[in-house]
């Protein structure tokens, strides 16, 4: 795995974690959108056949962000 690949993986995970940990309701929607965009960008360059585990983690993350968005909108 290259350094660039590790940085790309860490980038989406960092943005995703920031969305999950955001306590300010005013900022939450933007954090969710940023995380979704980071995951989509990583997905666009990922070799899904070689990185099955990361693809699964990204799928799980997108599902969690969807739940978070619904919960935030219901509050």
N, C-alpha and C. Protein backbone atom coordinates (compact mmCIF):
# COMPACT_ATOMS: atom_id res chain seq x y z
N UNK A 1 0.85 -1.18 0.00
CA UNK A 1 0.00 0.00 0.00
C UNK A 1 0.89 1.23 0.00
N UNK A 2 0.57 2.17 -0.84
CA UNK A 2 1.40 3.37 -0.95
C UNK A 2 1.02 4.39 0.11
N UNK A 3 1.92 5.34 0.32
CA UNK A 3 1.66 6.41 1.28
C UNK A 3 0.44 7.21 0.87
N UNK A 4 0.30 7.48 -0.43
CA UNK A 4 -0.85 8.24 -0.93
C UNK A 4 -2.15 7.49 -0.66
N UNK A 5 -2.12 6.18 -0.82
CA UNK A 5 -3.30 5.37 -0.56
C UNK A 5 -3.69 5.43 0.92
N UNK A 6 -2.69 5.38 1.79
CA UNK A 6 -2.96 5.47 3.23
C UNK A 6 -3.53 6.83 3.59
N UNK A 7 -3.01 7.89 2.97
CA UNK A 7 -3.51 9.23 3.24
C UNK A 7 -4.95 9.38 2.77
N UNK A 8 -5.27 8.80 1.62
CA UNK A 8 -6.64 8.87 1.10
C UNK A 8 -7.61 8.14 2.02
N UNK A 9 -7.18 6.98 2.50
CA UNK A 9 -8.02 6.22 3.43
C UNK A 9 -8.24 7.02 4.71
N UNK A 10 -7.16 7.57 5.24
CA UNK A 10 -7.26 8.33 6.48
C UNK A 10 -8.12 9.58 6.29
N UNK A 11 -8.06 10.18 5.12
CA UNK A 11 -8.81 11.42 4.87
C UNK A 11 -10.30 11.19 5.03
N UNK A 12 -10.86 10.18 4.39
CA UNK A 12 -12.31 9.99 4.51
C UNK A 12 -12.68 9.56 5.93
N UNK A 13 -11.83 8.78 6.56
CA UNK A 13 -12.13 8.33 7.91
C UNK A 13 -12.11 9.49 8.90
N UNK A 14 -11.19 10.42 8.71
CA UNK A 14 -11.11 11.59 9.59
C UNK A 14 -12.35 12.47 9.44
N UNK A 15 -12.77 12.70 8.21
CA UNK A 15 -13.94 13.55 7.96
C UNK A 15 -15.21 12.86 8.47
N UNK A 16 -15.28 11.56 8.29
CA UNK A 16 -16.40 10.77 8.80
C UNK A 16 -16.47 10.85 10.32
N UNK A 17 -15.34 10.68 10.98
CA UNK A 17 -15.31 10.77 12.45
C UNK A 17 -15.74 12.15 12.93
N UNK A 18 -15.33 13.18 12.20
CA UNK A 18 -15.73 14.54 12.58
C UNK A 18 -17.25 14.70 12.51
N UNK A 19 -17.87 14.08 11.51
CA UNK A 19 -19.34 14.15 11.40
C UNK A 19 -20.00 13.42 12.56
N UNK A 20 -19.49 12.26 12.89
CA UNK A 20 -20.08 11.48 13.99
C UNK A 20 -19.95 12.19 15.33
N UNK A 21 -18.90 12.95 15.49
CA UNK A 21 -18.62 13.59 16.77
C UNK A 21 -19.13 15.03 16.87
N UNK A 22 -19.70 15.54 15.79
CA UNK A 22 -20.18 16.93 15.79
C UNK A 22 -21.36 17.08 16.74
N UNK A 23 -21.23 18.01 17.66
CA UNK A 23 -22.29 18.26 18.63
C UNK A 23 -23.13 19.49 18.28
N UNK A 24 -22.61 20.35 17.46
CA UNK A 24 -23.31 21.58 17.07
C UNK A 24 -24.30 21.26 15.95
N UNK A 25 -25.58 21.32 16.28
CA UNK A 25 -26.62 20.98 15.31
C UNK A 25 -26.55 21.85 14.05
N UNK A 26 -26.09 23.09 14.20
CA UNK A 26 -25.97 24.01 13.06
C UNK A 26 -24.90 23.55 12.06
N UNK A 27 -23.89 22.83 12.54
CA UNK A 27 -22.77 22.40 11.69
C UNK A 27 -22.92 20.96 11.19
N UNK A 28 -23.85 20.22 11.78
CA UNK A 28 -23.94 18.79 11.51
C UNK A 28 -24.22 18.47 10.05
N UNK A 29 -25.16 19.16 9.43
CA UNK A 29 -25.49 18.86 8.03
C UNK A 29 -24.28 19.05 7.13
N UNK A 30 -23.51 20.09 7.37
CA UNK A 30 -22.32 20.34 6.55
C UNK A 30 -21.27 19.24 6.78
N UNK A 31 -21.12 18.81 8.02
CA UNK A 31 -20.15 17.73 8.33
C UNK A 31 -20.56 16.43 7.64
N UNK A 32 -21.86 16.12 7.66
CA UNK A 32 -22.35 14.92 7.00
C UNK A 32 -22.07 14.99 5.51
N UNK A 33 -22.37 16.13 4.90
CA UNK A 33 -22.13 16.31 3.46
C UNK A 33 -20.64 16.17 3.13
N UNK A 34 -19.77 16.76 3.93
CA UNK A 34 -18.33 16.64 3.72
C UNK A 34 -17.88 15.19 3.79
N UNK A 35 -18.41 14.44 4.75
CA UNK A 35 -18.05 13.04 4.90
C UNK A 35 -18.52 12.23 3.69
N UNK A 36 -19.74 12.47 3.25
CA UNK A 36 -20.26 11.76 2.08
C UNK A 36 -19.41 12.05 0.85
N UNK A 37 -19.00 13.30 0.68
CA UNK A 37 -18.17 13.67 -0.46
C UNK A 37 -16.78 13.02 -0.38
N UNK A 38 -16.21 12.97 0.81
CA UNK A 38 -14.90 12.34 0.99
C UNK A 38 -14.97 10.84 0.69
N UNK A 39 -16.04 10.22 1.12
CA UNK A 39 -16.22 8.78 0.86
C UNK A 39 -16.41 8.55 -0.64
N UNK A 40 -17.21 9.38 -1.28
CA UNK A 40 -17.42 9.24 -2.73
C UNK A 40 -16.13 9.45 -3.51
N UNK A 41 -15.32 10.41 -3.08
CA UNK A 41 -14.04 10.66 -3.75
C UNK A 41 -13.11 9.46 -3.60
N UNK A 42 -13.07 8.88 -2.41
CA UNK A 42 -12.23 7.70 -2.19
C UNK A 42 -12.75 6.52 -3.00
N UNK A 43 -14.05 6.35 -3.05
CA UNK A 43 -14.65 5.26 -3.81
C UNK A 43 -14.30 5.35 -5.29
N UNK A 44 -14.20 6.57 -5.81
CA UNK A 44 -13.92 6.78 -7.22
C UNK A 44 -12.52 6.30 -7.62
N UNK A 45 -11.59 6.27 -6.67
CA UNK A 45 -10.22 5.87 -7.00
C UNK A 45 -9.84 4.51 -6.43
N UNK A 46 -10.76 3.88 -5.74
CA UNK A 46 -10.48 2.62 -5.06
C UNK A 46 -10.67 1.44 -6.00
N UNK A 47 -9.79 0.47 -5.91
CA UNK A 47 -9.94 -0.78 -6.64
C UNK A 47 -10.77 -1.71 -5.74
N UNK A 48 -12.06 -1.76 -6.02
CA UNK A 48 -12.99 -2.49 -5.15
C UNK A 48 -12.64 -3.97 -5.04
N UNK A 49 -12.07 -4.53 -6.08
CA UNK A 49 -11.72 -5.96 -6.05
C UNK A 49 -10.57 -6.23 -5.08
N UNK A 50 -9.69 -5.27 -4.91
CA UNK A 50 -8.53 -5.46 -4.03
C UNK A 50 -8.77 -4.95 -2.64
N UNK A 51 -9.72 -4.05 -2.47
CA UNK A 51 -9.94 -3.39 -1.18
C UNK A 51 -11.35 -3.64 -0.66
N UNK A 52 -11.74 -4.89 -0.61
CA UNK A 52 -13.08 -5.28 -0.20
C UNK A 52 -13.41 -4.79 1.20
N UNK A 53 -12.45 -4.88 2.11
CA UNK A 53 -12.69 -4.44 3.49
C UNK A 53 -12.98 -2.95 3.57
N UNK A 54 -12.20 -2.15 2.83
CA UNK A 54 -12.43 -0.71 2.87
C UNK A 54 -13.76 -0.35 2.21
N UNK A 55 -14.11 -1.04 1.14
CA UNK A 55 -15.40 -0.81 0.49
C UNK A 55 -16.52 -1.08 1.49
N UNK A 56 -16.42 -2.14 2.26
CA UNK A 56 -17.44 -2.45 3.26
C UNK A 56 -17.49 -1.38 4.33
N UNK A 57 -16.32 -0.90 4.78
CA UNK A 57 -16.30 0.16 5.79
C UNK A 57 -16.94 1.44 5.25
N UNK A 58 -16.69 1.74 3.98
CA UNK A 58 -17.30 2.94 3.39
C UNK A 58 -18.81 2.78 3.25
N UNK A 59 -19.27 1.60 2.90
CA UNK A 59 -20.71 1.33 2.81
C UNK A 59 -21.36 1.50 4.17
N UNK A 60 -20.72 0.93 5.18
CA UNK A 60 -21.23 1.07 6.55
C UNK A 60 -21.26 2.54 6.97
N UNK A 61 -20.21 3.27 6.63
CA UNK A 61 -20.14 4.69 6.99
C UNK A 61 -21.26 5.47 6.32
N UNK A 62 -21.51 5.21 5.04
CA UNK A 62 -22.58 5.92 4.34
C UNK A 62 -23.93 5.60 4.98
N UNK A 63 -24.15 4.36 5.35
CA UNK A 63 -25.40 4.00 6.03
C UNK A 63 -25.52 4.72 7.38
N UNK A 64 -24.44 4.79 8.12
CA UNK A 64 -24.45 5.49 9.40
C UNK A 64 -24.72 6.98 9.22
N UNK A 65 -24.15 7.58 8.20
CA UNK A 65 -24.39 8.99 7.93
C UNK A 65 -25.85 9.24 7.57
N UNK A 66 -26.45 8.31 6.86
CA UNK A 66 -27.86 8.42 6.51
C UNK A 66 -28.74 8.41 7.77
N UNK A 67 -28.42 7.52 8.69
CA UNK A 67 -29.15 7.46 9.96
C UNK A 67 -28.93 8.74 10.75
N UNK A 68 -27.69 9.20 10.79
CA UNK A 68 -27.38 10.43 11.51
C UNK A 68 -28.16 11.61 10.95
N UNK A 69 -28.25 11.70 9.62
CA UNK A 69 -29.01 12.78 8.98
C UNK A 69 -30.47 12.71 9.37
N UNK A 70 -31.06 11.51 9.32
CA UNK A 70 -32.47 11.35 9.69
C UNK A 70 -32.69 11.76 11.14
N UNK A 71 -31.82 11.32 12.03
CA UNK A 71 -31.95 11.66 13.45
C UNK A 71 -31.81 13.15 13.67
N UNK A 72 -30.88 13.78 12.98
CA UNK A 72 -30.67 15.23 13.12
C UNK A 72 -31.88 15.99 12.62
N UNK A 73 -32.49 15.53 11.54
CA UNK A 73 -33.67 16.21 10.99
C UNK A 73 -34.90 16.02 11.87
N UNK A 74 -34.92 14.92 12.61
CA UNK A 74 -36.08 14.64 13.47
C UNK A 74 -35.97 15.41 14.79
N UNK A 75 -34.79 15.87 15.12
CA UNK A 75 -34.59 16.56 16.41
C UNK A 75 -35.10 17.98 16.36
